[in-house]
């Protein structure tokens, strides 16, 4: 998806505005181009059409689950990590093997998650 002249693009699906802004700032500083969405419908549009290299998906976006977005990303071969304040055991069985960035997460956990995604 990326070329040598582009920054890697990461989709951040997060409905908590302050967290989304802080995450965007950190990712920009680390050399990522960030596209954000706070609603599942917008995430789906981006997941279907944008040139995305990686994604961080909050599981609960304004009361809707982001699993349909994850399906699109999986179909396109785009690595993603779920972000959630809930325990991974609360996930539907089909998603339990996916990586989860447990909220609240710190810089070390975010770095580890992104490193794993880039290696995928």
N, C-alpha and C. Protein backbone atom coordinates (compact mmCIF):
# COMPACT_ATOMS: atom_id res chain seq x y z
N UNK A 1 0.81 -1.19 0.00
CA UNK A 1 0.00 0.00 0.00
C UNK A 1 0.86 1.27 0.00
N UNK A 2 1.91 1.28 0.82
CA UNK A 2 2.75 2.47 0.83
C UNK A 2 3.81 2.35 -0.25
N UNK A 3 4.27 3.49 -0.68
CA UNK A 3 5.42 3.54 -1.58
C UNK A 3 6.55 4.21 -0.82
N UNK A 4 7.74 4.19 -1.40
CA UNK A 4 8.88 4.78 -0.73
C UNK A 4 8.67 6.26 -0.42
N UNK A 5 7.87 6.95 -1.21
CA UNK A 5 7.68 8.38 -1.01
C UNK A 5 6.53 8.70 -0.06
N UNK A 6 5.83 7.69 0.42
CA UNK A 6 4.69 7.91 1.30
C UNK A 6 4.98 7.42 2.71
N UNK A 7 4.31 8.03 3.65
CA UNK A 7 4.33 7.53 5.02
C UNK A 7 3.35 6.38 5.10
N UNK A 8 3.60 5.39 5.97
CA UNK A 8 2.61 4.34 6.14
C UNK A 8 1.31 4.94 6.69
N UNK A 9 0.21 4.47 6.17
CA UNK A 9 -1.10 5.01 6.54
C UNK A 9 -1.77 4.08 7.54
N UNK A 10 -2.26 4.67 8.63
CA UNK A 10 -2.94 3.89 9.65
C UNK A 10 -4.33 4.46 9.89
N UNK A 11 -5.32 3.58 9.88
CA UNK A 11 -6.69 3.95 10.20
C UNK A 11 -6.85 3.83 11.71
N UNK A 12 -7.30 4.91 12.33
CA UNK A 12 -7.60 4.89 13.76
C UNK A 12 -9.10 5.05 13.91
N UNK A 13 -9.74 3.99 14.37
CA UNK A 13 -11.18 4.00 14.61
C UNK A 13 -11.38 4.18 16.11
N UNK A 14 -11.70 5.38 16.51
CA UNK A 14 -11.80 5.71 17.94
C UNK A 14 -12.85 6.80 18.11
N UNK A 15 -13.80 6.59 19.03
CA UNK A 15 -14.85 7.57 19.24
C UNK A 15 -14.60 8.48 20.44
N UNK A 16 -13.57 8.21 21.22
CA UNK A 16 -13.21 9.11 22.32
C UNK A 16 -12.27 10.17 21.75
N UNK A 17 -12.79 11.38 21.58
CA UNK A 17 -12.07 12.42 20.84
C UNK A 17 -10.68 12.70 21.40
N UNK A 18 -10.54 12.83 22.70
CA UNK A 18 -9.24 13.14 23.29
C UNK A 18 -8.24 12.02 23.03
N UNK A 19 -8.67 10.79 23.18
CA UNK A 19 -7.79 9.66 22.92
C UNK A 19 -7.40 9.63 21.44
N UNK A 20 -8.36 9.87 20.56
CA UNK A 20 -8.07 9.88 19.12
C UNK A 20 -7.06 10.96 18.77
N UNK A 21 -7.20 12.13 19.36
CA UNK A 21 -6.28 13.23 19.07
C UNK A 21 -4.88 12.93 19.61
N UNK A 22 -4.79 12.39 20.82
CA UNK A 22 -3.49 12.06 21.39
C UNK A 22 -2.82 10.95 20.58
N UNK A 23 -3.61 9.96 20.17
CA UNK A 23 -3.08 8.87 19.37
C UNK A 23 -2.59 9.39 18.01
N UNK A 24 -3.37 10.26 17.41
CA UNK A 24 -2.96 10.84 16.13
C UNK A 24 -1.64 11.59 16.26
N UNK A 25 -1.51 12.40 17.30
CA UNK A 25 -0.27 13.15 17.51
C UNK A 25 0.92 12.21 17.66
N UNK A 26 0.76 11.17 18.46
CA UNK A 26 1.86 10.23 18.69
C UNK A 26 2.22 9.51 17.39
N UNK A 27 1.21 9.03 16.67
CA UNK A 27 1.47 8.29 15.43
C UNK A 27 2.10 9.19 14.37
N UNK A 28 1.65 10.43 14.27
CA UNK A 28 2.27 11.38 13.34
C UNK A 28 3.74 11.58 13.69
N UNK A 29 4.04 11.72 14.97
CA UNK A 29 5.43 11.89 15.40
C UNK A 29 6.28 10.68 15.08
N UNK A 30 5.68 9.51 15.02
CA UNK A 30 6.38 8.27 14.69
C UNK A 30 6.45 8.01 13.20
N UNK A 31 5.93 8.93 12.38
CA UNK A 31 6.05 8.79 10.94
C UNK A 31 4.89 8.12 10.24
N UNK A 32 3.72 8.14 10.84
CA UNK A 32 2.53 7.57 10.21
C UNK A 32 1.63 8.68 9.69
N UNK A 33 0.97 8.40 8.58
CA UNK A 33 -0.12 9.22 8.11
C UNK A 33 -1.37 8.63 8.75
N UNK A 34 -2.13 9.43 9.48
CA UNK A 34 -3.28 8.93 10.23
C UNK A 34 -4.57 9.39 9.59
N UNK A 35 -5.48 8.44 9.39
CA UNK A 35 -6.85 8.79 9.03
C UNK A 35 -7.73 8.28 10.17
N UNK A 36 -8.66 9.13 10.59
CA UNK A 36 -9.48 8.80 11.76
C UNK A 36 -10.95 8.70 11.36
N UNK A 37 -11.65 7.88 12.14
CA UNK A 37 -13.10 7.78 12.01
C UNK A 37 -13.65 7.42 13.38
N UNK A 38 -14.79 8.00 13.71
CA UNK A 38 -15.40 7.76 15.01
C UNK A 38 -16.69 6.95 14.92
N UNK A 39 -17.13 6.66 13.73
CA UNK A 39 -18.37 5.90 13.54
C UNK A 39 -18.11 4.74 12.59
N UNK A 40 -18.84 3.65 12.81
CA UNK A 40 -18.66 2.45 12.00
C UNK A 40 -18.90 2.73 10.53
N UNK A 41 -19.92 3.51 10.21
CA UNK A 41 -20.23 3.78 8.79
C UNK A 41 -19.05 4.46 8.08
N UNK A 42 -18.42 5.42 8.73
CA UNK A 42 -17.28 6.10 8.13
C UNK A 42 -16.08 5.15 8.04
N UNK A 43 -15.89 4.36 9.08
CA UNK A 43 -14.80 3.37 9.08
C UNK A 43 -14.96 2.40 7.92
N UNK A 44 -16.18 1.96 7.68
CA UNK A 44 -16.43 1.03 6.58
C UNK A 44 -16.07 1.66 5.24
N UNK A 45 -16.44 2.92 5.04
CA UNK A 45 -16.10 3.61 3.80
C UNK A 45 -14.59 3.65 3.60
N UNK A 46 -13.87 4.01 4.66
CA UNK A 46 -12.41 4.09 4.58
C UNK A 46 -11.79 2.71 4.39
N UNK A 47 -12.30 1.73 5.12
CA UNK A 47 -11.75 0.37 5.02
C UNK A 47 -11.93 -0.21 3.63
N UNK A 48 -12.99 0.17 2.95
CA UNK A 48 -13.26 -0.33 1.60
C UNK A 48 -12.40 0.36 0.54
N UNK A 49 -12.08 1.64 0.75
CA UNK A 49 -11.50 2.39 -0.37
C UNK A 49 -10.15 3.05 -0.12
N UNK A 50 -9.81 3.33 1.12
CA UNK A 50 -8.57 4.07 1.39
C UNK A 50 -7.35 3.16 1.28
N UNK A 51 -6.22 3.77 0.96
CA UNK A 51 -4.95 3.04 0.93
C UNK A 51 -4.40 2.99 2.35
N UNK A 52 -4.76 1.93 3.05
CA UNK A 52 -4.43 1.76 4.46
C UNK A 52 -3.40 0.65 4.60
N UNK A 53 -2.42 0.88 5.45
CA UNK A 53 -1.41 -0.14 5.73
C UNK A 53 -1.70 -0.92 7.01
N UNK A 54 -2.27 -0.23 8.00
CA UNK A 54 -2.54 -0.80 9.31
C UNK A 54 -3.79 -0.14 9.88
N UNK A 55 -4.35 -0.76 10.93
CA UNK A 55 -5.50 -0.14 11.58
C UNK A 55 -5.55 -0.47 13.06
N UNK A 56 -6.06 0.48 13.81
CA UNK A 56 -6.37 0.29 15.23
C UNK A 56 -7.87 0.51 15.34
N UNK A 57 -8.59 -0.53 15.74
CA UNK A 57 -10.05 -0.47 15.78
C UNK A 57 -10.57 -0.56 17.21
N UNK A 58 -11.14 0.53 17.71
CA UNK A 58 -11.86 0.45 18.97
C UNK A 58 -13.06 -0.46 18.70
N UNK A 59 -13.27 -1.43 19.57
CA UNK A 59 -14.35 -2.39 19.33
C UNK A 59 -15.72 -1.72 19.40
N UNK A 60 -15.89 -0.80 20.34
CA UNK A 60 -17.17 -0.14 20.51
C UNK A 60 -17.06 1.30 20.03
N UNK A 61 -17.69 1.58 18.92
CA UNK A 61 -17.69 2.94 18.35
C UNK A 61 -19.10 3.52 18.46
N UNK A 62 -19.29 4.37 19.43
CA UNK A 62 -20.59 5.02 19.63
C UNK A 62 -21.72 4.01 19.71
N UNK A 63 -21.47 2.92 20.42
CA UNK A 63 -22.51 1.90 20.62
C UNK A 63 -22.59 0.84 19.54
N UNK A 64 -21.79 0.96 18.50
CA UNK A 64 -21.75 -0.06 17.44
C UNK A 64 -20.42 -0.79 17.48
N UNK A 65 -20.45 -2.07 17.22
CA UNK A 65 -19.21 -2.85 17.20
C UNK A 65 -18.52 -2.71 15.84
N UNK A 66 -17.19 -2.68 15.88
CA UNK A 66 -16.40 -2.46 14.67
C UNK A 66 -16.07 -3.75 13.92
N UNK A 67 -16.67 -4.86 14.27
CA UNK A 67 -16.36 -6.13 13.61
C UNK A 67 -16.59 -6.11 12.10
N UNK A 68 -17.64 -5.42 11.58
CA UNK A 68 -17.77 -5.35 10.12
C UNK A 68 -16.56 -4.67 9.45
N UNK A 69 -15.96 -3.71 10.12
CA UNK A 69 -14.76 -3.05 9.59
C UNK A 69 -13.61 -4.04 9.57
N UNK A 70 -13.49 -4.80 10.65
CA UNK A 70 -12.43 -5.82 10.73
C UNK A 70 -12.57 -6.84 9.61
N UNK A 71 -13.79 -7.20 9.26
CA UNK A 71 -14.01 -8.15 8.16
C UNK A 71 -13.50 -7.58 6.84
N UNK A 72 -13.77 -6.31 6.60
CA UNK A 72 -13.30 -5.68 5.36
C UNK A 72 -11.78 -5.64 5.34
N UNK A 73 -11.18 -5.24 6.46
CA UNK A 73 -9.72 -5.18 6.53
C UNK A 73 -9.11 -6.56 6.34
N UNK A 74 -9.70 -7.56 6.96
CA UNK A 74 -9.20 -8.94 6.81
C UNK A 74 -9.27 -9.36 5.35
N UNK A 75 -10.39 -9.05 4.69
CA UNK A 75 -10.56 -9.41 3.28
C UNK A 75 -9.50 -8.73 2.42
N UNK A 76 -9.15 -7.50 2.75
CA UNK A 76 -8.15 -6.75 1.98
C UNK A 76 -6.72 -7.08 2.39
N UNK A 77 -6.55 -7.90 3.42
CA UNK A 77 -5.22 -8.27 3.86
C UNK A 77 -4.51 -7.16 4.64
N UNK A 78 -5.27 -6.30 5.28
CA UNK A 78 -4.71 -5.18 6.04
C UNK A 78 -4.65 -5.57 7.52
N UNK A 79 -3.46 -5.60 8.09
CA UNK A 79 -3.33 -5.97 9.51
C UNK A 79 -4.00 -4.94 10.42
N UNK A 80 -4.62 -5.42 11.47
CA UNK A 80 -5.29 -4.54 12.43
C UNK A 80 -5.16 -5.10 13.84
N UNK A 81 -5.38 -4.22 14.78
CA UNK A 81 -5.44 -4.60 16.18
C UNK A 81 -6.72 -3.99 16.75
N UNK A 82 -7.40 -4.75 17.59
CA UNK A 82 -8.55 -4.19 18.30
C UNK A 82 -8.06 -3.40 19.49
N UNK A 83 -8.80 -2.39 19.86
CA UNK A 83 -8.54 -1.60 21.05
C UNK A 83 -9.81 -1.66 21.88
N UNK A 84 -9.64 -1.96 23.18
CA UNK A 84 -10.84 -2.11 24.01
C UNK A 84 -10.52 -2.00 25.48
N UNK A 85 -11.49 -1.54 26.22
CA UNK A 85 -11.40 -1.55 27.67
C UNK A 85 -11.96 -2.83 28.24
N UNK A 86 -12.52 -3.67 27.37
CA UNK A 86 -13.10 -4.94 27.80
C UNK A 86 -12.07 -6.05 27.70
N UNK A 87 -12.27 -7.08 28.46
CA UNK A 87 -11.41 -8.26 28.43
C UNK A 87 -11.59 -8.99 27.10
N UNK A 88 -10.52 -9.55 26.58
CA UNK A 88 -10.56 -10.29 25.31
C UNK A 88 -11.49 -11.48 25.33
N UNK A 89 -11.76 -12.00 26.52
CA UNK A 89 -12.68 -13.15 26.62
C UNK A 89 -14.12 -12.74 26.33
N UNK A 90 -14.39 -11.44 26.34
CA UNK A 90 -15.73 -10.95 26.03
C UNK A 90 -15.98 -10.88 24.53
N UNK A 91 -14.94 -11.12 23.74
CA UNK A 91 -15.08 -11.07 22.28
C UNK A 91 -15.83 -12.30 21.78
N UNK A 92 -16.55 -12.13 20.67
CA UNK A 92 -17.12 -13.32 20.03
C UNK A 92 -16.00 -14.29 19.65
N UNK A 93 -16.28 -15.54 19.66
CA UNK A 93 -15.29 -16.59 19.41
C UNK A 93 -14.46 -16.34 18.15
N UNK A 94 -15.09 -15.89 17.08
CA UNK A 94 -14.40 -15.70 15.81
C UNK A 94 -13.27 -14.67 15.90
N UNK A 95 -13.32 -13.77 16.87
CA UNK A 95 -12.33 -12.70 16.99
C UNK A 95 -11.33 -12.92 18.13
N UNK A 96 -11.44 -13.98 18.87
CA UNK A 96 -10.61 -14.17 20.07
C UNK A 96 -9.13 -14.36 19.78
N UNK A 97 -8.75 -14.71 18.57
CA UNK A 97 -7.33 -14.87 18.24
C UNK A 97 -6.69 -13.59 17.75
N UNK A 98 -7.48 -12.54 17.61
CA UNK A 98 -6.94 -11.25 17.15
C UNK A 98 -6.24 -10.55 18.31
N UNK A 99 -5.27 -9.73 17.96
CA UNK A 99 -4.56 -8.95 18.97
C UNK A 99 -5.48 -7.87 19.53
N UNK A 100 -5.34 -7.64 20.84
CA UNK A 100 -6.13 -6.60 21.49
C UNK A 100 -5.19 -5.67 22.24
N UNK A 101 -5.33 -4.40 21.98
CA UNK A 101 -4.61 -3.37 22.70
C UNK A 101 -5.53 -2.95 23.84
N UNK A 102 -5.22 -3.42 25.03
CA UNK A 102 -6.09 -3.23 26.19
C UNK A 102 -6.01 -1.79 26.71
N UNK A 103 -7.15 -1.10 26.74
CA UNK A 103 -7.21 0.26 27.27
C UNK A 103 -7.21 0.19 28.79
N UNK A 104 -6.58 1.11 29.47
CA UNK A 104 -5.72 2.14 28.91
C UNK A 104 -4.35 1.55 28.58
N UNK A 105 -3.81 1.90 27.43
CA UNK A 105 -2.52 1.38 27.03
C UNK A 105 -1.49 2.50 27.07
N UNK A 106 -0.24 2.10 27.19
CA UNK A 106 0.84 3.09 27.25
C UNK A 106 1.67 3.02 25.97
N UNK A 107 2.68 3.86 25.89
CA UNK A 107 3.52 3.95 24.70
C UNK A 107 4.18 2.61 24.37
N UNK A 108 4.64 1.91 25.39
CA UNK A 108 5.31 0.62 25.18
C UNK A 108 4.35 -0.39 24.55
N UNK A 109 3.12 -0.44 25.06
CA UNK A 109 2.13 -1.38 24.52
C UNK A 109 1.73 -0.99 23.09
N UNK A 110 1.58 0.28 22.83
CA UNK A 110 1.25 0.74 21.48
C UNK A 110 2.38 0.41 20.51
N UNK A 111 3.61 0.66 20.94
CA UNK A 111 4.76 0.34 20.09
C UNK A 111 4.82 -1.15 19.77
N UNK A 112 4.60 -1.97 20.78
CA UNK A 112 4.62 -3.43 20.57
C UNK A 112 3.52 -3.85 19.61
N UNK A 113 2.34 -3.28 19.75
CA UNK A 113 1.23 -3.64 18.86
C UNK A 113 1.53 -3.23 17.42
N UNK A 114 2.08 -2.05 17.22
CA UNK A 114 2.40 -1.59 15.87
C UNK A 114 3.53 -2.40 15.26
N UNK A 115 4.51 -2.77 16.06
CA UNK A 115 5.60 -3.60 15.58
C UNK A 115 5.07 -4.94 15.11
N UNK A 116 4.17 -5.53 15.87
CA UNK A 116 3.56 -6.81 15.49
C UNK A 116 2.75 -6.68 14.20
N UNK A 117 2.02 -5.58 14.07
CA UNK A 117 1.22 -5.37 12.85
C UNK A 117 2.12 -5.21 11.63
N UNK A 118 3.18 -4.45 11.78
CA UNK A 118 4.08 -4.21 10.65
C UNK A 118 4.78 -5.50 10.23
N UNK A 119 4.98 -6.41 11.17
CA UNK A 119 5.63 -7.68 10.87
C UNK A 119 4.67 -8.67 10.21
N UNK A 120 3.37 -8.41 10.35
CA UNK A 120 2.36 -9.34 9.82
C UNK A 120 2.33 -9.32 8.30
